[in-house]
Structures are given as C-alpha cells and as structure tokens.
C-alpha cells in the first residue's frame, strides 16, 4: 500500500471506539454518542478550541482502559464481565440498597443463593476491590491516550471520568472542582447517553437532575438543561456524525507512523483483556512480519501485515472473560461465540477507511485451506498469502503461550503440531518460512 495519506485521527479513533463499546457491554456507537453530548456541553460552555479538542478525544477514548479490569471482574463476580460492566453503570452507588440488589442479581448468575452469598463475602473480603478495579481501568485508559500522542488534559479526563462531585466516586475520591472540568463532562455525558438510549431525553435529564450535586457538577446539569428541548440535536444521536464537532483548526491527522501506534495501542487493549493472551497480538505481528520478510514480501505488504496482525483479535473484545479464561473445554455454545470474533474484527476494521483493506486478512486468521476453519469456511482459493501467513503465525504464538487449560508448548512441539496440518489445512510455504524464522532465533 505504501505511505498512507494522512486521515483525520477522529475517523480512526471513532471507528475503533465501537470495539470499546462492546467491551463495556454498551450498544455500538455509545462512545460517539457520548462524544456528541459532551461536545454540545462544551459548546454551551463556550470552551476554547484547544480545550474542546482535548475533550473530543477524551470522550472517544474514555473506555480505552476497559480491558484492564475485565478478567479480574469476571473472576471476582463469577459473571460475564460485559453484563457486570453494563448493569453497573445504571446503578446509583450512593444508595446502599440499589448497590446490594445489583450485587445479588449480578454475582454468580444461575447459582444457588448460598453460592451467591459466598461470592459476595469473598468480594467483601477483598477490601478495596472496587477502587482497585477502577484504578486499573482509569490508569490504563490514561496510558493508552498518552501512547497515541494525546494531551495530558485528555489523559487526565479519562483518568477521572468516574469521580463524582460529592467525592464518593472512583478511584481517588476527588470532589467538586478537584475533578478536572473535562472529567466532569465525561461523567455526565456518558451517563446521559446511557439513559437517553433507554428512556429518552426526559428520562436522561431526570437522572441528571436526581444526581445533581452527588454524581454531577450542578453547573453542568444546568447547562444540559439549556439544550434539553433541542429535538434536532437529540434525534441526531440515532446516527452519530462526528464531523463538525471536532474544532476544525485543531484537527489531528494520522499518518503511517501514528496509524501503527494506534494499531499497537489497540492491540494492547485487546491483549490486556485476558492474562492468558498478554502480548499475543504483538508477538503474532512479530512472527507474521518475519515470515513475510523471508517470503520476499514488499515493504508495503509487510507494513499491512503488521497492522492486520496487531488488530486481528480486536473481535475478542466482544467475548466474555468467563469464556476466554475458562480452565476447561468450552461447551458447544461457548465455542460458537468464540467463532464469531473474526467477524467482529472484520466489522470493526471495515469502519476505518485506511484499515478497510486489512479487514479480510484479519478476519481470516482462523480459516483453513480445506474449508474446516471459521467463521466462513473459506477454502484455499479464497485465502491470499498474507492470510495464510497470519494463520500460521497466530497458531504458533498461541501454542507457545500458556493457556488456562494447558502449559505453553516448546518451539519444537509447536512446530510439530503445526506440521500435522501442513499442507491440508495450513500453507506449506508459510510454514517452511516460519520454521526458518524460529530456528534462527
């Protein structure tokens, strides 16, 4: 492909934010809709262009740390992390009864009352568990923002989006104007979006009013009321369009280098979802590009393969950690869910114009030459050499990494296992190149 013509960073981040929405258990477009609400608040406040630019990216990347606590939350609650995250955002934690009933409904679903009680007692014994979970999430989100070159103000807004005006939020317990203004806007915007989707404008505004002075800055709730009756604005959330909300004179662009940084950042988000896949995307990218080099791929082809490999598992953000981290054989229903993740990877990448050509490669990493792979059952004639290389690299990395149900394989054992699938299921040329790469390490 060569050097990528610079594209608006907002286009790339906005599209990739759909993956973060799914990880948080929210409908696709949640971050973009939250962005529109937050930017409308900023416009009503008359914030300057630089501040609005910082806010714009904070709103889109507010959930960038979402995977930092997913595994621990799933294990602790004995529940689907997506469900726990989604329902937790709809509870007012200032009310003990609401918090208690949420806990009883959420932990160990389908288990006897005694099992639920044991789980709740275990959570209680963890002490500052909620704070530590939120600290991990917020710190990681701020780190991702800095990784892609965004400002300190953007990072701090993400770090403080769950702080509450009365000091009873997470993770630091900041109160009032101790919370950066942009963090206060994020907190209000994301909550309004959630309740607007469920209950409409009046329902969302009612929640904001009830939590005025506890969760939310009273001044910001007043500003929200100023456009409460703007039916055109609220209708626009049905098909969120970011164009026009990013300050034109502050528009950030993404060139080749920044696109690679973004791919690496989102690979880190994906790999952080499970302790068993730590560095999987990064290592798969390394093996794939080395194999591509051995096969004589052109520089542009290797660059594309690197990005496709880094982002090939973005679809796993839609799979519960209760499945990803299960220390036993998956049921047929669980495996059916896992088999959908390449489709989701492809769907996310197709939303990004500069990544669209990578989508078929990333989405085919579990396909096999004989048609026995998934999710589409593609056969040899459908699989390009980059697809074949990525498949071999993905299998090798997975085999040489520890999993909850087995120990890591040695290099020789992994190559031996793969060799059994050559040439019927995996490409012989790609495998030979992989073997030469491994032997030279």
Protein backbone atom coordinates (compact mmCIF):
# COMPACT_ATOMS: atom_id res chain seq x y z
CA UNK A 1 0.00 0.00 0.00
CA UNK A 2 2.93 2.37 0.61
CA UNK A 3 2.69 5.54 2.64
CA UNK A 4 -0.82 6.19 3.90
CA UNK A 5 -2.27 9.56 3.02
CA UNK A 6 -2.96 11.21 6.35
CA UNK A 7 -6.54 10.75 7.54
CA UNK A 8 -8.38 12.52 10.36
CA UNK A 9 -7.45 10.86 13.64
CA UNK A 10 -11.08 11.24 14.70
CA UNK A 11 -12.18 8.91 11.88
CA UNK A 12 -9.84 6.16 13.05
CA UNK A 13 -10.45 6.54 16.78
CA UNK A 14 -14.19 6.95 16.30
CA UNK A 15 -14.41 3.70 14.35
CA UNK A 16 -12.20 1.78 16.76
CA UNK A 17 -14.27 3.08 19.69
CA UNK A 18 -17.01 0.68 18.57
CA UNK A 19 -14.81 -2.15 19.85
CA UNK A 20 -14.58 -0.42 23.23
CA UNK A 21 -18.38 -0.06 23.32
CA UNK A 22 -18.84 -3.81 23.00
CA UNK A 23 -16.26 -4.48 25.71
CA UNK A 24 -18.20 -2.25 28.07
CA UNK A 25 -21.43 -4.06 27.22
CA UNK A 26 -22.86 -0.98 25.52
CA UNK A 27 -24.58 -0.79 22.11
CA UNK A 28 -22.26 0.13 19.23
CA UNK A 29 -21.87 3.88 18.91
CA UNK A 30 -22.04 4.59 22.65
CA UNK A 31 -18.73 6.48 22.68
CA UNK A 32 -19.61 8.52 19.59
CA UNK A 33 -23.00 9.46 21.04
CA UNK A 34 -21.36 10.36 24.35
CA UNK A 35 -18.91 12.47 22.35
CA UNK A 36 -21.71 14.46 20.73
CA UNK A 37 -23.36 15.11 24.11
CA UNK A 38 -20.07 16.13 25.72
CA UNK A 39 -19.15 18.41 22.82
CA UNK A 40 -22.57 20.06 22.95
CA UNK A 41 -21.96 20.76 26.65
CA UNK A 42 -18.58 22.24 25.70
CA UNK A 43 -20.18 24.45 23.05
CA UNK A 44 -22.77 25.73 25.53
CA UNK A 45 -19.94 26.47 27.98
CA UNK A 46 -18.00 28.36 25.30
CA UNK A 47 -14.81 26.36 25.81
CA UNK A 48 -11.88 27.34 23.60
CA UNK A 49 -10.78 25.23 20.63
CA UNK A 50 -7.78 23.67 22.36
CA UNK A 51 -9.88 22.53 25.32
CA UNK A 52 -12.63 21.22 23.05
CA UNK A 53 -10.05 19.23 21.09
CA UNK A 54 -8.73 17.63 24.28
CA UNK A 55 -12.29 16.84 25.34
CA UNK A 56 -13.21 15.41 21.93
CA UNK A 57 -10.58 12.67 22.10
CA UNK A 58 -11.18 12.01 25.78
CA UNK A 59 -14.83 11.29 25.01
CA UNK A 60 -13.99 8.89 22.19
CA UNK A 61 -11.29 7.07 24.19
CA UNK A 62 -12.95 7.23 27.60
CA UNK A 63 -13.21 3.42 27.75
CA UNK A 64 -9.68 2.69 26.47
CA UNK A 65 -8.82 1.11 29.82
CA UNK A 66 -11.86 -1.16 29.74
CA UNK A 67 -9.89 -4.40 29.49
CA UNK A 68 -7.54 -3.66 32.39
CA UNK A 69 -10.05 -4.98 34.93
CA UNK A 70 -12.16 -7.32 32.77
CA UNK A 71 -10.53 -10.60 33.79
CA UNK A 72 -10.48 -9.77 37.49
CA UNK A 73 -14.08 -8.54 37.42
CA UNK A 74 -15.28 -11.73 35.69
CA UNK A 75 -13.40 -13.93 38.16
CA UNK A 76 -14.45 -11.94 41.21
CA UNK A 77 -18.12 -11.71 40.33
CA UNK A 78 -18.31 -15.14 38.71
CA UNK A 79 -20.21 -13.44 35.91
CA UNK A 80 -19.96 -12.21 32.33
CA UNK A 81 -17.81 -9.06 32.53
CA UNK A 82 -19.87 -7.38 29.78
CA UNK A 83 -23.07 -7.80 31.77
CA UNK A 84 -21.45 -6.64 35.00
CA UNK A 85 -19.99 -3.54 33.36
CA UNK A 86 -23.20 -2.62 31.55
CA UNK A 87 -25.53 -3.01 34.52
CA UNK A 88 -23.13 -1.35 36.98
CA UNK A 89 -23.34 1.91 35.02
CA UNK A 90 -27.08 2.02 35.59
CA UNK A 91 -26.89 1.87 39.38
CA UNK A 92 -26.62 4.84 41.73
CA UNK A 93 -23.99 3.54 44.11
CA UNK A 94 -24.83 6.23 46.64
CA UNK A 95 -27.87 4.13 47.60
CA UNK A 96 -26.80 1.01 49.53
CA UNK A 97 -29.97 -0.92 48.74
CA UNK A 98 -29.56 -0.36 44.98
CA UNK A 99 -25.94 -1.47 45.22
CA UNK A 100 -26.88 -4.56 47.23
CA UNK A 101 -29.68 -5.67 44.89
CA UNK A 102 -27.39 -5.18 41.87
CA UNK A 103 -24.76 -7.34 43.54
CA UNK A 104 -27.21 -10.13 44.31
CA UNK A 105 -28.56 -10.12 40.75
CA UNK A 106 -25.12 -9.93 39.13
CA UNK A 107 -22.78 -12.26 41.00
CA UNK A 108 -22.79 -15.99 40.20
CA UNK A 109 -25.85 -15.84 37.90
CA UNK A 110 -27.91 -19.01 37.87
CA UNK A 111 -26.22 -20.30 41.02
CA UNK A 112 -27.96 -21.09 44.35
CA UNK A 113 -28.39 -18.36 46.93
CA UNK A 114 -25.61 -19.87 49.04
CA UNK A 115 -23.16 -19.64 46.14
CA UNK A 116 -24.12 -16.01 45.62
CA UNK A 117 -23.62 -15.27 49.31
CA UNK A 118 -20.20 -16.93 49.29
CA UNK A 119 -19.20 -14.84 46.29
CA UNK A 120 -20.43 -11.61 47.93
CA UNK A 121 -18.48 -12.42 51.10
CA UNK A 122 -15.38 -13.07 49.00
CA UNK A 123 -15.80 -9.71 47.32
CA UNK A 124 -16.23 -8.02 50.69
CA UNK A 125 -13.07 -9.67 51.98
CA UNK A 126 -11.14 -8.14 49.09
CA UNK A 127 -11.46 -4.81 50.85
CA UNK A 128 -10.80 -2.00 48.38
CA UNK A 129 -11.69 -4.20 45.42
CA UNK A 130 -13.95 -1.69 43.66
CA UNK A 131 -11.42 1.08 43.99
CA UNK A 132 -8.58 -1.09 42.73
CA UNK A 133 -10.64 -2.27 39.75
CA UNK A 134 -11.49 1.29 38.80
CA UNK A 135 -7.93 2.48 39.43
CA UNK A 136 -6.62 -0.11 36.97
CA UNK A 137 -9.19 0.86 34.38
CA UNK A 138 -8.69 4.61 34.68
CA UNK A 139 -4.90 4.47 34.79
CA UNK A 140 -4.77 2.20 31.76
CA UNK A 141 -7.13 4.45 29.82
CA UNK A 142 -4.94 7.47 30.51
CA UNK A 143 -1.88 5.47 29.49
CA UNK A 144 -3.44 4.50 26.15
CA UNK A 145 -4.30 8.15 25.46
CA UNK A 146 -0.70 9.17 26.04
CA UNK A 147 0.52 6.21 23.97
CA UNK A 148 -1.24 7.59 20.89
CA UNK A 149 0.16 11.07 21.47
CA UNK A 150 -2.81 12.83 23.03
CA UNK A 151 -2.51 15.58 25.62
CA UNK A 152 -2.15 15.33 29.38
CA UNK A 153 -5.55 17.01 29.74
CA UNK A 154 -7.13 14.28 27.61
CA UNK A 155 -5.41 11.61 29.70
CA UNK A 156 -6.50 13.17 33.00
CA UNK A 157 -10.10 13.49 31.79
CA UNK A 158 -10.12 9.75 31.11
CA UNK A 159 -8.48 9.04 34.46
CA UNK A 160 -11.17 10.98 36.34
CA UNK A 161 -14.35 10.15 34.40
CA UNK A 162 -15.75 8.07 37.28
CA UNK A 163 -15.09 10.64 40.00
CA UNK A 164 -18.25 12.19 41.46
CA UNK A 165 -18.97 15.75 42.56
CA UNK A 166 -19.65 14.67 46.17
CA UNK A 167 -16.34 12.82 46.49
CA UNK A 168 -17.89 9.36 46.53
CA UNK A 169 -16.71 8.33 43.07
CA UNK A 170 -13.75 6.24 41.97
CA UNK A 171 -10.85 5.71 42.12
CA UNK A 172 -9.40 8.68 44.04
CA UNK A 173 -12.50 10.09 45.71
CA UNK A 174 -11.95 13.57 44.27
CA UNK A 175 -14.69 16.09 44.99
CA UNK A 176 -16.07 19.24 43.37
CA UNK A 177 -13.57 21.25 41.41
CA UNK A 178 -10.78 18.88 42.40
CA UNK A 179 -12.11 16.90 39.44
CA UNK A 180 -10.89 18.39 36.14
CA UNK A 181 -13.69 20.02 34.17
CA UNK A 182 -13.22 17.62 31.27
CA UNK A 183 -13.53 14.63 33.61
CA UNK A 184 -16.79 16.08 34.96
CA UNK A 185 -18.10 16.45 31.41
CA UNK A 186 -17.18 12.85 30.58
CA UNK A 187 -19.01 11.55 33.66
CA UNK A 188 -22.20 13.44 32.79
CA UNK A 189 -22.07 12.80 29.03
CA UNK A 190 -21.66 9.02 29.28
CA UNK A 191 -24.44 8.70 31.86
CA UNK A 192 -26.82 10.87 29.86
CA UNK A 193 -26.12 8.77 26.75
CA UNK A 194 -26.86 5.52 28.58
CA UNK A 195 -30.18 6.72 29.99
CA UNK A 196 -31.15 8.59 26.82
CA UNK A 197 -30.84 5.31 24.89
CA UNK A 198 -33.10 3.56 27.42
CA UNK A 199 -35.55 6.25 28.50
CA UNK A 200 -35.33 9.15 26.06
CA UNK A 201 -34.44 12.77 26.74
CA UNK A 202 -36.71 13.26 29.73
CA UNK A 203 -35.53 10.07 31.38
CA UNK A 204 -31.88 11.02 30.90
CA UNK A 205 -32.44 14.56 32.15
CA UNK A 206 -34.33 13.21 35.16
CA UNK A 207 -31.34 11.04 36.13
CA UNK A 208 -29.03 14.05 35.75
CA UNK A 209 -31.30 16.13 37.98
CA UNK A 210 -31.57 13.43 40.65
CA UNK A 211 -27.79 13.05 40.73
CA UNK A 212 -27.08 16.79 40.61
CA UNK A 213 -24.66 17.61 43.39
CA UNK A 214 -23.91 13.95 44.11
CA UNK A 215 -22.57 12.50 40.87
CA UNK A 216 -22.61 15.58 38.71
CA UNK A 217 -21.41 19.18 38.78
CA UNK A 218 -24.63 21.19 39.34
CA UNK A 219 -23.44 23.80 36.84
CA UNK A 220 -23.07 21.19 34.11
CA UNK A 221 -26.56 19.82 34.77
CA UNK A 222 -27.88 23.37 34.34
CA UNK A 223 -26.05 23.60 31.00
CA UNK A 224 -27.58 20.27 29.98
CA UNK A 225 -30.99 21.79 30.66
CA UNK A 226 -30.23 24.58 28.20
CA UNK A 227 -30.49 22.17 25.25
CA UNK A 228 -32.91 19.73 26.80
CA UNK A 229 -35.62 20.80 24.33
CA UNK A 230 -33.40 20.76 21.24
CA UNK A 231 -35.19 17.88 19.50
CA UNK A 232 -32.95 18.10 16.43
CA UNK A 233 -29.81 17.52 18.46
CA UNK A 234 -31.19 14.53 20.35
CA UNK A 235 -32.53 13.00 17.13
CA UNK A 236 -29.03 13.27 15.62
CA UNK A 237 -27.75 10.73 18.16
CA UNK A 238 -29.56 7.97 16.26
CA UNK A 239 -26.85 8.20 13.59
CA UNK A 240 -23.93 9.97 15.27
CA UNK A 241 -21.76 12.02 12.95
CA UNK A 242 -18.51 13.37 14.40
CA UNK A 243 -17.77 15.75 11.54
CA UNK A 244 -18.33 19.30 12.69
CA UNK A 245 -17.79 18.66 16.37
CA UNK A 246 -14.01 18.47 16.27
CA UNK A 247 -12.53 22.00 16.21
CA UNK A 248 -11.53 22.46 12.55
CA UNK A 249 -8.38 24.42 13.32
CA UNK A 250 -7.26 21.78 15.86
CA UNK A 251 -7.97 18.69 13.75
CA UNK A 252 -5.40 15.98 14.37
CA UNK A 253 -4.26 13.79 11.49
CA UNK A 254 -2.96 10.24 11.41
CA UNK A 255 -0.08 9.34 9.11
CA UNK A 256 1.65 5.96 8.70
CA UNK A 257 3.55 6.25 11.97
CA UNK A 258 0.54 7.29 14.01
CA UNK A 259 -1.63 4.57 12.46
CA UNK A 260 0.94 1.99 13.55
CA UNK A 261 0.95 3.50 17.04
CA UNK A 262 -2.85 3.28 17.14
CA UNK A 263 -2.74 -0.34 15.99
CA UNK A 264 -0.24 -1.13 18.74
CA UNK A 265 -2.35 0.69 21.31
CA UNK A 266 -5.49 -1.23 20.41
CA UNK A 267 -3.51 -4.47 20.29
CA UNK A 268 -2.50 -3.71 23.88
CA UNK A 269 -6.16 -3.12 24.77
CA UNK A 270 -7.10 -6.49 23.25
CA UNK A 271 -4.26 -8.43 24.86
CA UNK A 272 -4.96 -6.93 28.29
CA UNK A 273 -8.43 -8.45 28.32
CA UNK A 274 -7.07 -11.83 29.43
CA UNK A 275 -3.88 -12.64 31.37
CA UNK A 276 -3.52 -15.64 29.06
CA UNK A 277 -3.23 -13.56 25.89
CA UNK A 278 -0.77 -10.98 27.17
CA UNK A 279 1.32 -9.81 24.17
CA UNK A 280 -0.42 -12.28 21.82
CA UNK A 281 -1.18 -9.68 19.14
CA UNK A 282 2.25 -8.11 19.37
CA UNK A 283 4.05 -11.47 19.15
CA UNK A 284 1.81 -12.67 16.32
CA UNK A 285 2.68 -9.49 14.45
CA UNK A 286 6.37 -10.13 15.01
CA UNK A 287 6.23 -13.71 13.69
CA UNK A 288 3.98 -12.76 10.76
CA UNK A 289 6.21 -9.94 9.55
CA UNK A 290 9.35 -12.05 9.87
CA UNK A 291 7.72 -14.81 7.84
CA UNK A 292 6.61 -12.22 5.29
CA UNK A 293 10.19 -10.96 5.01
CA UNK A 294 11.51 -14.49 4.42
CA UNK A 295 8.90 -14.91 1.67
CA UNK A 296 10.02 -11.71 -0.03
CA UNK A 297 7.01 -9.53 0.74
CA UNK A 298 7.43 -5.91 -0.35
CA UNK A 299 7.80 -3.27 2.37
CA UNK A 300 4.22 -2.08 1.90
CA UNK A 301 2.92 -5.67 2.19
CA UNK A 302 4.86 -6.19 5.41
CA UNK A 303 3.53 -2.92 6.82
CA UNK A 304 -0.03 -4.02 6.04
CA UNK A 305 0.59 -7.46 7.51
CA UNK A 306 1.96 -5.88 10.69
CA UNK A 307 -1.19 -3.80 11.20
CA UNK A 308 -3.52 -6.67 10.32
CA UNK A 309 -1.72 -8.94 12.79
CA UNK A 310 -1.81 -6.34 15.55
CA UNK A 311 -5.57 -5.90 15.10
CA UNK A 312 -6.61 -9.43 14.11
CA UNK A 313 -8.09 -10.25 17.52
CA UNK A 314 -9.90 -6.98 18.19
CA UNK A 315 -13.08 -9.05 17.90
CA UNK A 316 -12.18 -10.85 21.14
CA UNK A 317 -13.21 -7.70 22.96
CA UNK A 318 -16.74 -8.94 22.36
CA UNK A 319 -16.12 -12.29 24.08
CA UNK A 320 -16.70 -12.65 27.81
CA UNK A 321 -13.73 -13.39 30.04
CA UNK A 322 -15.80 -16.20 31.50
CA UNK A 323 -15.15 -17.91 28.17
CA UNK A 324 -11.68 -16.59 27.35
CA UNK A 325 -10.27 -17.58 30.76
CA UNK A 326 -12.18 -20.81 31.25
CA UNK A 327 -9.76 -23.51 32.53
CA UNK A 328 -11.64 -26.32 30.78
CA UNK A 329 -13.02 -27.36 27.41
CA UNK A 330 -15.59 -24.92 26.06
CA UNK A 331 -19.16 -26.02 25.55
CA UNK A 332 -20.56 -26.02 22.02
CA UNK A 333 -22.45 -22.79 22.78
CA UNK A 334 -19.32 -21.10 24.17
CA UNK A 335 -17.21 -22.14 21.20
CA UNK A 336 -19.90 -20.83 18.85
CA UNK A 337 -19.48 -17.42 20.47
CA UNK A 338 -15.69 -17.58 20.16
CA UNK A 339 -16.02 -18.44 16.47
CA UNK A 340 -17.74 -15.10 15.86
CA UNK A 341 -14.78 -12.97 16.93
CA UNK A 342 -13.08 -12.82 13.49
CA UNK A 343 -16.33 -11.45 12.03
CA UNK A 344 -16.31 -8.72 14.65
CA UNK A 345 -12.65 -7.96 13.91
CA UNK A 346 -13.52 -7.56 10.25
CA UNK A 347 -16.57 -5.40 11.02
CA UNK A 348 -14.54 -3.00 13.19
CA UNK A 349 -11.71 -2.63 10.67
CA UNK A 350 -14.13 -2.09 7.80
CA UNK A 351 -15.33 1.03 9.61
CA UNK A 352 -11.88 2.62 9.23
CA UNK A 353 -11.17 3.74 5.65
CA UNK A 354 -7.39 3.36 6.00
CA UNK A 355 -7.74 -0.09 7.61
CA UNK A 356 -10.55 -1.40 5.39
CA UNK A 357 -8.19 -3.30 3.10
CA UNK A 358 -6.78 -5.10 6.18
CA UNK A 359 -10.19 -6.38 7.27
CA UNK A 360 -10.29 -9.51 5.07
CA UNK A 361 -6.81 -10.56 6.24
CA UNK A 362 -7.55 -10.00 9.93
CA UNK A 363 -10.93 -11.70 9.61
CA UNK A 364 -9.46 -14.85 8.04
CA UNK A 365 -6.89 -15.83 10.66
CA UNK A 366 -8.89 -18.93 11.69
CA UNK A 367 -9.76 -20.04 8.15
CA UNK A 368 -8.09 -23.19 6.78
CA UNK A 369 -7.17 -24.34 3.28
CA UNK A 370 -9.55 -27.32 3.35
CA UNK A 371 -12.55 -25.25 4.43
CA UNK A 372 -12.55 -26.58 8.00
CA UNK A 373 -11.79 -23.22 9.58
CA UNK A 374 -14.11 -20.48 10.81
CA UNK A 375 -16.10 -18.29 10.73
CA UNK A 376 -16.87 -18.52 6.98
CA UNK A 377 -15.38 -21.85 5.99
CA UNK A 378 -13.17 -20.31 3.29
CA UNK A 379 -11.04 -22.62 1.17
CA UNK A 380 -7.60 -22.43 -0.49
CA UNK A 381 -8.75 -20.40 -3.49
CA UNK A 382 -10.17 -17.76 -1.13
CA UNK A 383 -7.06 -17.37 1.02
CA UNK A 384 -4.29 -14.99 -0.02
CA UNK A 385 -0.69 -15.47 1.07
CA UNK A 386 -0.94 -12.74 3.77
CA UNK A 387 -3.97 -14.59 5.17
CA UNK A 388 -2.02 -17.86 5.17
CA UNK A 389 0.98 -16.25 6.85
CA UNK A 390 -1.16 -14.67 9.57
CA UNK A 391 -2.88 -18.01 10.25
CA UNK A 392 0.43 -19.82 10.74
CA UNK A 393 1.85 -17.03 12.93
CA UNK A 394 -1.32 -16.94 15.05
CA UNK A 395 -1.28 -20.69 15.66
CA UNK A 396 2.42 -20.75 16.52
CA UNK A 397 2.15 -17.88 19.00
CA UNK A 398 -0.89 -19.43 20.67
CA UNK A 399 0.78 -22.81 21.03
CA UNK A 400 3.94 -21.35 22.58
CA UNK A 401 1.97 -19.31 25.13
CA UNK A 402 0.41 -20.60 28.33
CA UNK A 403 -3.35 -21.04 28.38
CA UNK A 404 -5.72 -21.64 31.30
CA UNK A 405 -6.23 -25.25 30.17
CA UNK A 406 -2.60 -26.16 29.28
CA UNK A 407 1.05 -25.19 29.64
CA UNK A 408 2.99 -23.44 26.90
CA UNK A 409 4.42 -25.73 24.23
CA UNK A 410 8.11 -25.74 23.39
CA UNK A 411 9.20 -24.42 19.99
CA UNK A 412 9.80 -27.95 18.67
CA UNK A 413 6.47 -29.25 19.98
CA UNK A 414 4.60 -26.28 18.49
CA UNK A 415 6.22 -26.76 15.09
CA UNK A 416 5.45 -30.46 15.24
CA UNK A 417 1.79 -29.84 15.98
CA UNK A 418 1.51 -27.32 13.14
CA UNK A 419 3.33 -29.64 10.74
CA UNK A 420 0.47 -32.15 11.06
CA UNK A 421 -1.84 -29.61 9.42
CA UNK A 422 0.52 -28.93 6.51
CA UNK A 423 -0.37 -28.84 3.64
CA UNK A 424 -4.02 -29.86 4.06
CA UNK A 425 -5.09 -27.07 6.42
CA UNK A 426 -2.11 -24.68 6.68
CA UNK A 427 0.12 -23.42 3.88
CA UNK A 428 3.39 -25.32 3.38
CA UNK A 429 5.35 -22.34 2.10
CA UNK A 430 4.29 -20.18 5.03
CA UNK A 431 5.10 -22.98 7.47
CA UNK A 432 8.58 -23.53 5.99
CA UNK A 433 9.27 -19.81 6.37
CA UNK A 434 8.00 -19.86 9.96
CA UNK A 435 10.24 -22.80 10.77
CA UNK A 436 13.28 -20.96 9.39
CA UNK A 437 12.36 -17.90 11.46
CA UNK A 438 12.02 -19.95 14.65
CA UNK A 439 15.26 -21.86 14.07
CA UNK A 440 17.21 -18.63 13.55
CA UNK A 441 16.02 -17.02 16.80
